[in-house]
PDB file of N, CA and C in Angstrom:
ATOM      1  N   MET A   1     143.303 105.305 -28.648  1.00  0.00           N
ATOM      2  CA  MET A   1     142.973 104.501 -27.542  1.00  0.00           C
ATOM      3  C   MET A   1     144.289 103.756 -27.077  1.00  0.00           C
ATOM      4  N   LYS A   2     144.651 103.884 -25.783  1.00  0.00           N
ATOM      5  CA  LYS A   2     145.885 103.259 -25.297  1.00  0.00           C
ATOM      6  C   LYS A   2     145.654 101.936 -24.941  1.00  0.00           C
ATOM      7  N   GLY A   3     146.506 100.994 -25.417  1.00  0.00           N
ATOM      8  CA  GLY A   3     146.574  99.590 -24.940  1.00  0.00           C
ATOM      9  C   GLY A   3     145.763  98.628 -25.750  1.00  0.00           C
ATOM     10  N   GLY A   4     144.958  99.092 -26.605  1.00  0.00           N
ATOM     11  CA  GLY A   4     144.205  98.175 -27.560  1.00  0.00           C
ATOM     12  C   GLY A   4     142.873  97.750 -26.984  1.00  0.00           C
ATOM     13  N   ILE A   5     142.219  96.972 -27.905  1.00  0.00           N
ATOM     14  CA  ILE A   5     140.888  96.606 -27.506  1.00  0.00           C
ATOM     15  C   ILE A   5     140.739  95.585 -26.397  1.00  0.00           C
ATOM     16  N   TRP A   6     141.776  94.679 -26.245  1.00  0.00           N
ATOM     17  CA  TRP A   6     141.889  93.732 -25.153  1.00  0.00           C
ATOM     18  C   TRP A   6     141.983  94.338 -23.842  1.00  0.00           C
ATOM     19  N   GLN A   7     142.767  95.447 -23.734  1.00  0.00           N
ATOM     20  CA  GLN A   7     142.888  96.030 -22.554  1.00  0.00           C
ATOM     21  C   GLN A   7     141.574  96.738 -22.076  1.00  0.00           C
ATOM     22  N   GLN A   8     140.865  97.335 -23.093  1.00  0.00           N
ATOM     23  CA  GLN A   8     139.715  98.037 -22.855  1.00  0.00           C
ATOM     24  C   GLN A   8     138.550  97.022 -22.407  1.00  0.00           C
ATOM     25  N   ILE A   9     138.547  95.814 -22.930  1.00  0.00           N
ATOM     26  CA  ILE A   9     137.675  94.867 -22.519  1.00  0.00           C
ATOM     27  C   ILE A   9     137.916  94.403 -21.121  1.00  0.00           C
ATOM     28  N   LEU A  10     139.178  94.117 -20.772  1.00  0.00           N
ATOM     29  CA  LEU A  10     139.550  93.889 -19.389  1.00  0.00           C
ATOM     30  C   LEU A  10     139.149  94.994 -18.427  1.00  0.00           C
ATOM     31  N   THR A  11     139.131  96.193 -18.881  1.00  0.00           N
ATOM     32  CA  THR A  11     138.732  97.289 -18.047  1.00  0.00           C
ATOM     33  C   THR A  11     137.220  97.283 -17.875  1.00  0.00           C
ATOM     34  N   TYR A  12     136.483  96.960 -18.953  1.00  0.00           N
ATOM     35  CA  TYR A  12     135.067  96.857 -18.783  1.00  0.00           C
ATOM     36  C   TYR A  12     134.654  95.770 -17.771  1.00  0.00           C
ATOM     37  N   PHE A  13     135.270  94.696 -17.813  1.00  0.00           N
ATOM     38  CA  PHE A  13     134.977  93.647 -16.900  1.00  0.00           C
ATOM     39  C   PHE A  13     135.623  93.750 -15.520  1.00  0.00           C
ATOM     40  N   TYR A  14     136.126  94.861 -15.249  1.00  0.00           N
ATOM     41  CA  TYR A  14     136.821  95.194 -13.939  1.00  0.00           C
ATOM     42  C   TYR A  14     137.961  94.169 -13.608  1.00  0.00           C
ATOM     43  N   LEU A  15     138.696  93.716 -14.676  1.00  0.00           N
ATOM     44  CA  LEU A  15     139.824  92.918 -14.513  1.00  0.00           C
ATOM     45  C   LEU A  15     141.154  93.763 -14.475  1.00  0.00           C
ATOM     46  N   ARG A  16     141.048  94.944 -14.818  1.00  0.00           N
ATOM     47  CA  ARG A  16     142.153  95.888 -14.826  1.00  0.00           C
ATOM     48  C   ARG A  16     141.593  97.256 -14.389  1.00  0.00           C
ATOM     49  N   LYS A  17     142.510  97.936 -13.609  1.00  0.00           N
ATOM     50  CA  LYS A  17     142.180  99.280 -13.105  1.00  0.00           C
ATOM     51  C   LYS A  17     142.114 100.312 -14.339  1.00  0.00           C
ATOM     52  N   ARG A  18     141.228 101.338 -14.174  1.00  0.00           N
ATOM     53  CA  ARG A  18     141.129 102.310 -15.156  1.00  0.00           C
ATOM     54  C   ARG A  18     142.272 103.234 -15.066  1.00  0.00           C
ATOM     55  N   ASP A  19     142.769 103.796 -16.128  1.00  0.00           N
ATOM     56  CA  ASP A  19     143.883 104.775 -16.067  1.00  0.00           C
ATOM     57  C   ASP A  19     143.349 106.064 -15.443  1.00  0.00           C
ATOM     58  N   PRO A  20     143.990 106.550 -14.355  1.00  0.00           N
ATOM     59  CA  PRO A  20     143.559 107.697 -13.760  1.00  0.00           C
ATOM     60  C   PRO A  20     143.615 108.965 -14.525  1.00  0.00           C
ATOM     61  N   SER A  21     144.472 108.899 -15.626  1.00  0.00           N
ATOM     62  CA  SER A  21     144.636 110.082 -16.405  1.00  0.00           C
ATOM     63  C   SER A  21     143.574 110.205 -17.612  1.00  0.00           C
ATOM     64  N   ASP A  22     142.731 109.057 -17.693  1.00  0.00           N
ATOM     65  CA  ASP A  22     141.689 109.090 -18.638  1.00  0.00           C
ATOM     66  C   ASP A  22     140.642 110.124 -18.274  1.00  0.00           C
ATOM     67  N   PRO A  23     140.105 110.767 -19.329  1.00  0.00           N
ATOM     68  CA  PRO A  23     138.951 111.752 -19.008  1.00  0.00           C
ATOM     69  C   PRO A  23     137.802 110.965 -18.537  1.00  0.00           C
ATOM     70  N   THR A  24     136.988 111.700 -17.515  1.00  0.00           N
ATOM     71  CA  THR A  24     135.801 111.048 -17.130  1.00  0.00           C
ATOM     72  C   THR A  24     134.678 112.169 -16.950  1.00  0.00           C
ATOM     73  N   ASN A  25     133.693 111.808 -17.596  1.00  0.00           N
ATOM     74  CA  ASN A  25     132.414 112.725 -17.561  1.00  0.00           C
ATOM     75  C   ASN A  25     131.243 111.914 -17.713  1.00  0.00           C
ATOM     76  N   ALA A  26     129.977 112.452 -17.603  1.00  0.00           N
ATOM     77  CA  ALA A  26     128.837 111.685 -17.636  1.00  0.00           C
ATOM     78  C   ALA A  26     128.693 110.854 -19.111  1.00  0.00           C
ATOM     79  N   ASN A  27     129.048 111.466 -20.149  1.00  0.00           N
ATOM     80  CA  ASN A  27     128.920 110.848 -21.411  1.00  0.00           C
ATOM     81  C   ASN A  27     129.755 109.602 -21.565  1.00  0.00           C
ATOM     82  N   ILE A  28     131.022 109.727 -21.140  1.00  0.00           N
ATOM     83  CA  ILE A  28     131.946 108.592 -21.224  1.00  0.00           C
ATOM     84  C   ILE A  28     131.552 107.536 -20.303  1.00  0.00           C
ATOM     85  N   LYS A  29     131.031 107.834 -19.058  1.00  0.00           N
ATOM     86  CA  LYS A  29     130.545 106.745 -18.254  1.00  0.00           C
ATOM     87  C   LYS A  29     129.426 106.089 -18.721  1.00  0.00           C
ATOM     88  N   MET A  30     128.456 106.773 -19.364  1.00  0.00           N
ATOM     89  CA  MET A  30     127.275 106.113 -20.009  1.00  0.00           C
ATOM     90  C   MET A  30     127.736 105.274 -21.186  1.00  0.00           C
ATOM     91  N   MET A  31     128.703 105.727 -22.020  1.00  0.00           N
ATOM     92  CA  MET A  31     129.207 104.949 -23.108  1.00  0.00           C
ATOM     93  C   MET A  31     129.793 103.618 -22.593  1.00  0.00           C
ATOM     94  N   HIS A  32     130.590 103.740 -21.672  1.00  0.00           N
ATOM     95  CA  HIS A  32     131.255 102.508 -21.089  1.00  0.00           C
ATOM     96  C   HIS A  32     130.135 101.632 -20.596  1.00  0.00           C
ATOM     97  N   GLY A  33     129.182 102.148 -19.859  1.00  0.00           N
ATOM     98  CA  GLY A  33     128.216 101.245 -19.307  1.00  0.00           C
ATOM     99  C   GLY A  33     127.345 100.584 -20.424  1.00  0.00           C
ATOM    100  N   MET A  34     127.027 101.230 -21.393  1.00  0.00           N
ATOM    101  CA  MET A  34     126.381 100.514 -22.549  1.00  0.00           C
ATOM    102  C   MET A  34     127.222  99.473 -23.255  1.00  0.00           C
ATOM    103  N   ASN A  35     128.583  99.866 -23.389  1.00  0.00           N
ATOM    104  CA  ASN A  35     129.521  98.891 -23.988  1.00  0.00           C
ATOM    105  C   ASN A  35     129.559  97.648 -23.070  1.00  0.00           C
ATOM    106  N   ARG A  36     129.635  97.774 -21.805  1.00  0.00           N
ATOM    107  CA  ARG A  36     129.682  96.682 -20.852  1.00  0.00           C
ATOM    108  C   ARG A  36     128.489  95.791 -20.995  1.00  0.00           C
ATOM    109  N   ILE A  37     127.248  96.430 -21.049  1.00  0.00           N
ATOM    110  CA  ILE A  37     126.109  95.658 -21.249  1.00  0.00           C
ATOM    111  C   ILE A  37     126.075  94.926 -22.577  1.00  0.00           C
ATOM    112  N   SER A  38     126.511  95.547 -23.497  1.00  0.00           N
ATOM    113  CA  SER A  38     126.535  94.942 -24.938  1.00  0.00           C
ATOM    114  C   SER A  38     127.458  93.693 -24.871  1.00  0.00           C
ATOM    115  N   LEU A  39     128.701  93.920 -24.230  1.00  0.00           N
ATOM    116  CA  LEU A  39     129.629  92.635 -24.188  1.00  0.00           C
ATOM    117  C   LEU A  39     129.050  91.502 -23.342  1.00  0.00           C
ATOM    118  N   PHE A  40     128.343  91.825 -22.303  1.00  0.00           N
ATOM    119  CA  PHE A  40     127.708  90.747 -21.446  1.00  0.00           C
ATOM    120  C   PHE A  40     126.650  90.014 -22.334  1.00  0.00           C
ATOM    121  N   MET A  41     125.874  90.795 -23.010  1.00  0.00           N
ATOM    122  CA  MET A  41     124.779  90.276 -23.902  1.00  0.00           C
ATOM    123  C   MET A  41     125.361  89.308 -24.946  1.00  0.00           C
ATOM    124  N   PHE A  42     126.457  89.823 -25.534  1.00  0.00           N
ATOM    125  CA  PHE A  42     127.119  89.085 -26.586  1.00  0.00           C
ATOM    126  C   PHE A  42     127.742  87.762 -25.995  1.00  0.00           C
ATOM    127  N   LEU A  43     128.410  87.758 -24.930  1.00  0.00           N
ATOM    128  CA  LEU A  43     128.872  86.598 -24.355  1.00  0.00           C
ATOM    129  C   LEU A  43     127.775  85.579 -23.939  1.00  0.00           C
ATOM    130  N   ILE A  44     126.684  86.022 -23.309  1.00  0.00           N
ATOM    131  CA  ILE A  44     125.571  85.218 -23.133  1.00  0.00           C
ATOM    132  C   ILE A  44     124.999  84.596 -24.377  1.00  0.00           C
ATOM    133  N   ALA A  45     124.820  85.264 -25.484  1.00  0.00           N
ATOM    134  CA  ALA A  45     124.389  84.814 -26.683  1.00  0.00           C
ATOM    135  C   ALA A  45     125.402  83.731 -27.248  1.00  0.00           C
ATOM    136  N   ILE A  46     126.699  83.888 -27.114  1.00  0.00           N
ATOM    137  CA  ILE A  46     127.653  82.971 -27.560  1.00  0.00           C
ATOM    138  C   ILE A  46     127.342  81.588 -26.797  1.00  0.00           C
ATOM    139  N   ILE A  47     127.303  81.803 -25.559  1.00  0.00           N
ATOM    140  CA  ILE A  47     127.171  80.556 -24.559  1.00  0.00           C
ATOM    141  C   ILE A  47     125.950  79.853 -25.011  1.00  0.00           C
ATOM    142  N   VAL A  48     124.835  80.561 -25.115  1.00  0.00           N
ATOM    143  CA  VAL A  48     123.544  79.863 -25.585  1.00  0.00           C
ATOM    144  C   VAL A  48     123.707  79.148 -26.887  1.00  0.00           C
ATOM    145  N   MET A  49     124.320  79.790 -27.863  1.00  0.00           N
ATOM    146  CA  MET A  49     124.578  79.137 -29.145  1.00  0.00           C
ATOM    147  C   MET A  49     125.438  77.864 -29.008  1.00  0.00           C
ATOM    148  N   VAL A  50     126.472  77.943 -28.274  1.00  0.00           N
ATOM    149  CA  VAL A  50     127.256  76.734 -28.072  1.00  0.00           C
ATOM    150  C   VAL A  50     126.568  75.575 -27.381  1.00  0.00           C
ATOM    151  N   TYR A  51     125.764  76.107 -26.406  1.00  0.00           N
ATOM    152  CA  TYR A  51     124.954  75.070 -25.728  1.00  0.00           C
ATOM    153  C   TYR A  51     123.937  74.347 -26.650  1.00  0.00           C
ATOM    154  N   ARG A  52     123.416  75.220 -27.560  1.00  0.00           N
ATOM    155  CA  ARG A  52     122.437  74.482 -28.503  1.00  0.00           C
ATOM    156  C   ARG A  52     123.077  73.587 -29.534  1.00  0.00           C
ATOM    157  N   ILE A  53     124.247  73.994 -29.831  1.00  0.00           N
ATOM    158  CA  ILE A  53     125.049  73.137 -30.806  1.00  0.00           C
ATOM    159  C   ILE A  53     125.356  71.734 -30.256  1.00  0.00           C
ATOM    160  N   PHE A  54     125.868  71.852 -29.036  1.00  0.00           N
ATOM    161  CA  PHE A  54     126.437  70.580 -28.403  1.00  0.00           C
ATOM    162  C   PHE A  54     125.365  69.782 -27.709  1.00  0.00           C
ATOM    163  N   PHE A  55     124.301  70.517 -27.186  1.00  0.00           N
ATOM    164  CA  PHE A  55     123.364  69.847 -26.424  1.00  0.00           C
ATOM    165  C   PHE A  55     121.902  69.870 -26.975  1.00  0.00           C
ATOM    166  N   LYS A  56     121.835  69.417 -28.274  1.00  0.00           N
ATOM    167  CA  LYS A  56     120.557  69.454 -28.901  1.00  0.00           C
ATOM    168  C   LYS A  56     119.638  68.422 -28.206  1.00  0.00           C
ATOM    169  N   HIS A  57     118.423  68.707 -27.989  1.00  0.00           N
ATOM    170  CA  HIS A  57     117.426  67.899 -27.415  1.00  0.00           C
ATOM    171  C   HIS A  57     116.590  67.134 -28.485  1.00  0.00           C
TER     172      HIS A  57
END
């Protein structure tokens, strides 16, 4: 994997353009889509956890 994990995360969040020489097919697109959903869910879970820690009712 070129560029490391942080470059891949930036690509998932559309903060960096994808390398045109990377292979593209349906399986890779589905994998990247699932990874993107997983990252969004993880970030939402972290935000909820931090909110619950600092703003207990």
